[in-house]
Amino acid sequence: MNKVSRDIHTIAIVGAGSWGTAIGAWLSRNGHKVRIWDIDQAVIDDVNQTHCNSRYLPGCKLPSGLQGFTTLESAMQSCTIVVIAVPSRVFDSATRQVKSHLHLMDPQKPPVIIWGTKGFASASGHLLSDIADRVFGETAITATIAGPSFAYEVIQGLPTGFDLASRSEHNLEAIANLFRNQTALVYTTTDIVGVQIGGATKNVIAIAAGISDGLKFGINTRSLLICRGFAEMNRLNVALGGQTETLMGLSGMGDLLLTCTGDLSRNRRLGLGLGAGKQLDTILAEIGQEVEGLQSARETYHVGRRLDVFMPMTERVYRILYEGLPPMQAAHELLAIGPSLSE
């Protein structure tokens, strides 16, 4: 791959979980000056003192150019770009905090806000772009990045690809060039709805695939679930104004395949535990990190119902998680629907 020509920026990362840290390391290795902030002081101290994030990415060495900051104000001072990488349940709060400090950013350049968060907004079920539009309005250029991206592999620089979406078509390539390097393919699109739907819904299907494997149904069944799960995702995508072509790309099908089949997937591991008969609290304690599919299942289910979108797999995952539906009964119910009703 040809070397990408890029400007060097000062970038603030909001959230030092596994994904935020991986993005920070990625951008730092691309030559940018990267500051990462989190409310967990122990994580920030670890980043600065040992160049590691032992809490979320044990054993992974971070580049020395990635620095931890103890306040959002200091992280955003004179920066040109902010990347938000927090769980979707706190995305609204994080965007409002960032908005209150926009005046600290480099006044010579328009502020750029990018989010790597996937999911629907907590409680409201809105797309995260709706939140960003409401909070930032015309005060910042906004974009989102998504794709098959286990943080543990991204931080090691293993080859992968992403979709970057923004309504600001004029700025798309410049923003994508922040991330492009010899191991990261970054494609661009203005279909910000389609890119978000993939990330918001694929975790629900990954839980279903994990449940199937936990029930020992085999690879055929897993493939069936992935295929029909994609159909559900796209029905919701189209209902919200997204493009099917986008969902067939990296942020949709690519991320879906990764999350349903990769053993690093926390959502798949949650499903595996449920299929094996474990209690939810026990599984979450074993995983020890945020499992986005828990909220995604609830929000996706309610968004689908509000729009009258046929999503039988999402409904069963929701009922397993929140209403105590036995996984085997859910499987029998799905099989009983038949192909004539599931197209």
Foldseek 3Di string as FASTA:
>chain_A
DDFFDADAFQEEEEDDALQSQLVQQLLVVVVHQYEYEYQPVVQQCCCQPVQDRCQHANPFHGDNSYHYDHDPLVSQAQTQEYEYEDELACLLVVLLVVLVNPVRYNPVHQHEYEYAYAAAHFPVLHQSVVSNCVRCPPRHFYKYKAFQCDSNCSSVLAADEIEIEGLPVVCFVNVQSSRDGPRYHYHYDPQRLLLRLQRLQLLLLLLLLLLCVLLVVDDVVSVVSLVLSLVLSVLLSVLVPGDPVSLVDGSHSRNNVNQNPPPSRLSSQQSNCLNNPHDNVVSCVVNSDDRSNLRSLVSVVVSCVVSVGDDLSSVLSNCVNPVVDRSVVSVVVVVVVDDVNSD
